[in-house]
Amino acid sequence: MSTGKLQTLERGIALLRLVSQSPEGIRINELAAQLGLNRPTAYRIVATLVDQTMVRRLEDGRIVMGVGAYQLGARSSDSIQMLARPVLEKLAQDTGATSFLSMAEGETCVVVMTAEPRNTAFNIHYKLGTRHPIDRGAAGIAILASRPERPEDSEDIQFARANGYSVTKGQLHKGAVGVSSPVVFQDAGLTGLEFSIGVVALEALDIDGAAAAVPDAAASLVKVLS
């Protein structure tokens, strides 16, 4: 007799829960063992969730939560978005520049939230969902700086790691200046998701002021979300 339930969907949800409860990531064989699945079935579920950006594979094979899972959670009433909004709005006002929250997804960086300052004549409008290579622009460089050091790290990444913020000029858009800091979460539900917070403006941006305000905003974001 049918129970009216979809077993594959049930397994996918159970797998997502296990990944979300594994701060350092989890391997497919571990997922299969804990869910009582054979490895090919676990692999197919993971592959489907990767295609939907709900999870992603790290270089060493571990599975962590993906940007799609974050975007779903951001729509809930007690979401990251609701908690982060005041931090982004304050950063925009303090710097007079458009502020943004970005997230790593593979080799790209995705804008997942923005705020624009009030009472300014002109702002850069940063569209949600905008993607760019993770090694281009302040947001992606800040995320790369939060990772373990590598011999091939660029000077921009080395600077960001040493100073707690990145600065780029004209890397993504002519005349645009960006300042970003990594946001490193320790909470088990967010570990594995890589974020940065920053501001972008035209050449008139007060870089010194932004370099002080952006790391403070990153610290505030960690506090409110932890």
Protein backbone atom coordinates (compact mmCIF):
# COMPACT_ATOMS: atom_id res chain seq x y z
CA MET A 1 0.00 0.00 0.00
CA SER A 2 1.35 3.38 -0.99
CA THR A 3 2.18 5.80 1.82
CA GLY A 4 2.04 8.79 -0.52
CA LYS A 5 5.68 9.59 0.18
CA LEU A 6 8.53 9.96 -2.34
CA GLN A 7 11.44 7.87 -1.12
CA THR A 8 14.04 9.65 -3.26
CA LEU A 9 12.96 13.06 -1.98
CA GLU A 10 12.97 11.74 1.57
CA ARG A 11 16.52 10.48 1.10
CA GLY A 12 17.62 13.77 -0.43
CA ILE A 13 16.27 15.75 2.52
CA ALA A 14 17.92 13.37 4.98
CA LEU A 15 21.20 13.75 3.11
CA LEU A 16 20.95 17.54 3.21
CA ARG A 17 20.41 17.41 6.96
CA LEU A 18 23.50 15.29 7.45
CA VAL A 19 25.60 17.66 5.34
CA SER A 20 24.30 20.67 7.30
CA GLN A 21 25.26 18.93 10.56
CA SER A 22 28.82 18.26 9.37
CA PRO A 23 30.79 21.51 9.84
CA GLU A 24 33.95 20.17 8.22
CA GLY A 25 32.11 18.46 5.36
CA ILE A 26 31.30 14.79 4.89
CA ARG A 27 32.31 12.19 2.31
CA ILE A 28 29.91 10.22 0.14
CA ASN A 29 30.82 6.87 1.74
CA GLU A 30 30.00 8.33 5.16
CA LEU A 31 26.68 9.67 3.88
CA ALA A 32 25.82 6.29 2.40
CA ALA A 33 26.68 4.47 5.64
CA GLN A 34 24.70 6.82 7.88
CA LEU A 35 21.65 6.78 5.61
CA GLY A 36 21.75 3.04 4.92
CA LEU A 37 22.21 3.59 1.17
CA ASN A 38 24.52 1.94 -1.30
CA ARG A 39 27.28 4.19 -2.63
CA PRO A 40 25.88 4.57 -6.20
CA THR A 41 22.53 5.76 -4.83
CA ALA A 42 24.22 8.24 -2.48
CA TYR A 43 26.39 9.44 -5.37
CA ARG A 44 23.34 10.07 -7.60
CA ILE A 45 21.55 12.03 -4.87
CA VAL A 46 24.66 14.13 -4.25
CA ALA A 47 25.13 14.73 -8.00
CA THR A 48 21.51 15.95 -8.27
CA LEU A 49 21.94 18.29 -5.29
CA VAL A 50 25.22 19.61 -6.72
CA ASP A 51 23.44 20.41 -10.00
CA GLN A 52 20.84 22.38 -8.02
CA THR A 53 23.62 24.14 -6.01
CA MET A 54 22.19 22.78 -2.76
CA VAL A 55 25.54 21.18 -1.91
CA ARG A 56 29.01 21.40 -3.40
CA ARG A 57 32.10 19.22 -3.50
CA LEU A 58 35.39 20.44 -2.10
CA GLU A 59 38.61 19.55 -3.91
CA ASP A 60 39.29 16.68 -1.51
CA GLY A 61 35.85 15.14 -2.09
CA ARG A 62 34.08 16.34 1.04
CA ILE A 63 30.49 17.55 0.60
CA VAL A 64 29.39 20.87 2.14
CA MET A 65 26.30 23.05 1.86
CA GLY A 66 25.91 25.13 -1.29
CA VAL A 67 24.64 28.55 -2.26
CA GLY A 68 21.21 27.16 -3.20
CA ALA A 69 20.62 25.99 0.36
CA TYR A 70 21.61 29.41 1.65
CA GLN A 71 19.21 31.13 -0.75
CA LEU A 72 16.32 28.96 0.43
CA GLY A 73 17.11 29.70 4.07
CA ALA A 74 17.43 33.40 3.35
CA ARG A 75 13.72 33.52 2.58
CA SER A 76 12.61 32.28 6.00
CA SER A 77 11.25 34.70 8.62
CA ASP A 78 14.26 34.30 10.92
CA SER A 79 16.69 34.13 8.03
CA ILE A 80 20.28 35.14 7.61
CA GLN A 81 18.97 37.90 5.37
CA MET A 82 16.82 39.45 8.11
CA LEU A 83 19.68 39.36 10.60
CA ALA A 84 22.29 40.63 8.14
CA ARG A 85 20.20 43.47 6.69
CA PRO A 86 20.91 46.00 9.50
CA VAL A 87 24.65 45.30 9.28
CA LEU A 88 24.70 45.91 5.52
CA GLU A 89 22.57 49.04 5.80
CA LYS A 90 24.83 50.50 8.50
CA LEU A 91 27.92 49.73 6.42
CA ALA A 92 26.38 51.46 3.40
CA GLN A 93 25.57 54.55 5.46
CA ASP A 94 28.96 54.64 7.19
CA THR A 95 30.87 54.49 3.91
CA GLY A 96 28.44 56.19 1.52
CA ALA A 97 28.86 53.24 -0.82
CA THR A 98 26.84 50.22 -1.91
CA SER A 99 27.41 47.34 0.50
CA PHE A 100 27.08 43.68 -0.39
CA LEU A 101 27.29 40.16 0.96
CA SER A 102 28.91 37.63 -1.37
CA MET A 103 29.28 33.87 -1.25
CA ALA A 104 31.67 31.42 -2.88
CA GLU A 105 30.29 28.83 -5.26
CA GLY A 106 33.03 26.75 -6.81
CA GLU A 107 35.29 29.02 -8.84
CA THR A 108 32.81 31.90 -8.80
CA CYS A 109 31.66 34.50 -6.31
CA VAL A 110 27.92 35.28 -6.09
CA VAL A 111 26.27 38.44 -4.73
CA VAL A 112 23.51 37.29 -2.36
CA MET A 113 22.51 40.56 -0.66
CA THR A 114 23.01 44.31 -1.14
CA ALA A 115 22.18 47.65 0.49
CA GLU A 116 22.54 51.16 -0.87
CA PRO A 117 23.22 54.33 1.16
CA ARG A 118 20.47 56.90 1.54
CA ASN A 119 20.82 60.54 0.53
CA THR A 120 23.63 60.05 -1.97
CA ALA A 121 23.48 61.45 -5.48
CA PHE A 122 24.72 58.32 -7.22
CA ASN A 123 25.16 54.67 -6.16
CA ILE A 124 26.48 51.62 -7.95
CA HIS A 125 23.59 49.18 -8.28
CA TYR A 126 24.89 45.68 -7.58
CA LYS A 127 22.39 43.14 -8.90
CA LEU A 128 21.59 40.10 -6.75
CA GLY A 129 22.91 36.92 -8.31
CA THR A 130 25.79 38.71 -10.06
CA ARG A 131 28.65 36.26 -10.57
CA HIS A 132 32.32 36.79 -11.24
CA PRO A 133 35.49 34.69 -11.02
CA ILE A 134 36.48 34.22 -7.40
CA ASP A 135 40.00 35.51 -8.07
CA ARG A 136 38.71 38.80 -9.50
CA GLY A 137 37.24 41.60 -7.42
CA ALA A 138 37.50 42.41 -3.73
CA ALA A 139 34.74 40.02 -2.61
CA GLY A 140 36.28 36.88 -4.05
CA ILE A 141 39.81 37.84 -3.03
CA ALA A 142 38.65 38.32 0.58
CA ILE A 143 37.19 34.79 0.54
CA LEU A 144 40.40 33.34 -0.93
CA ALA A 145 42.38 35.13 1.79
CA SER A 146 40.38 33.26 4.44
CA ARG A 147 41.57 29.92 3.06
CA PRO A 148 44.91 28.25 3.90
CA GLU A 149 47.91 29.93 2.31
CA ARG A 150 49.08 28.62 -1.06
CA PRO A 151 52.32 29.34 -2.96
CA GLU A 152 50.37 30.64 -5.96
CA ASP A 153 48.40 33.24 -3.95
CA SER A 154 48.42 36.63 -5.67
CA GLU A 155 49.69 39.81 -4.06
CA ASP A 156 46.07 40.91 -3.60
CA ILE A 157 45.28 37.74 -1.64
CA GLN A 158 48.45 38.07 0.44
CA PHE A 159 47.57 41.67 1.25
CA ALA A 160 44.02 40.74 2.28
CA ARG A 161 45.25 37.90 4.51
CA ALA A 162 47.76 40.20 6.22
CA ASN A 163 45.40 43.15 6.69
CA GLY A 164 41.94 41.62 7.09
CA TYR A 165 40.49 43.29 4.00
CA SER A 166 41.04 43.38 0.23
CA VAL A 167 41.15 46.41 -2.06
CA THR A 168 40.69 46.23 -5.82
CA LYS A 169 40.35 48.92 -8.47
CA GLY A 170 38.72 48.40 -11.84
CA GLN A 171 39.02 44.60 -11.81
CA LEU A 172 35.33 43.97 -12.54
CA HIS A 173 34.07 47.35 -13.74
CA LYS A 174 36.03 50.34 -15.01
CA GLY A 175 36.38 52.99 -12.31
CA ALA A 176 34.89 50.82 -9.55
CA VAL A 177 36.73 50.44 -6.25
CA GLY A 178 35.91 47.59 -3.90
CA VAL A 179 36.86 46.83 -0.30
CA SER A 180 35.88 43.48 1.27
CA SER A 181 36.57 41.35 4.33
CA PRO A 182 36.00 37.63 4.82
CA VAL A 183 33.17 36.51 7.11
CA VAL A 184 34.27 33.35 8.90
CA PHE A 185 31.50 31.54 10.78
CA GLN A 186 32.09 28.98 13.52
CA ASP A 187 28.42 27.99 13.82
CA ALA A 188 27.86 24.41 12.66
CA GLY A 189 24.96 25.42 10.44
CA LEU A 190 27.07 27.91 8.50
CA THR A 191 30.53 26.39 8.53
CA GLY A 192 31.46 25.36 5.00
CA LEU A 193 29.68 28.36 3.48
CA GLU A 194 32.23 31.01 2.52
CA PHE A 195 31.10 34.64 2.68
CA SER A 196 32.60 38.09 2.39
CA ILE A 197 31.14 41.51 3.09
CA GLY A 198 32.21 44.69 1.39
CA VAL A 199 31.47 47.94 -0.36
CA VAL A 200 31.82 49.16 -3.92
CA ALA A 201 31.80 52.69 -5.32
CA LEU A 202 33.43 54.79 -7.96
CA GLU A 203 36.89 56.30 -7.55
CA ALA A 204 35.69 58.75 -4.88
CA LEU A 205 35.42 55.97 -2.27
CA ASP A 206 37.23 56.79 0.98
CA ILE A 207 39.39 53.66 1.03
CA ASP A 208 40.84 54.32 4.49
CA GLY A 209 37.36 54.76 5.93
CA ALA A 210 36.09 51.65 4.18
CA ALA A 211 39.14 49.67 5.33
CA ALA A 212 38.12 50.42 8.92
CA ALA A 213 34.37 49.96 8.49
CA VAL A 214 34.32 46.73 6.46
CA PRO A 215 36.23 44.49 8.94
CA ASP A 216 34.02 45.88 11.73
CA ALA A 217 30.95 44.93 9.71
CA ALA A 218 32.34 41.43 9.17
CA ALA A 219 32.83 41.04 12.94
CA SER A 220 29.29 42.32 13.58
CA LEU A 221 27.86 39.87 11.06
CA VAL A 222 29.62 36.93 12.70
CA LYS A 223 28.26 38.05 16.08
CA VAL A 224 24.62 38.39 15.02
CA LEU A 225 24.60 35.13 13.05
CA SER A 226 26.38 33.07 15.70
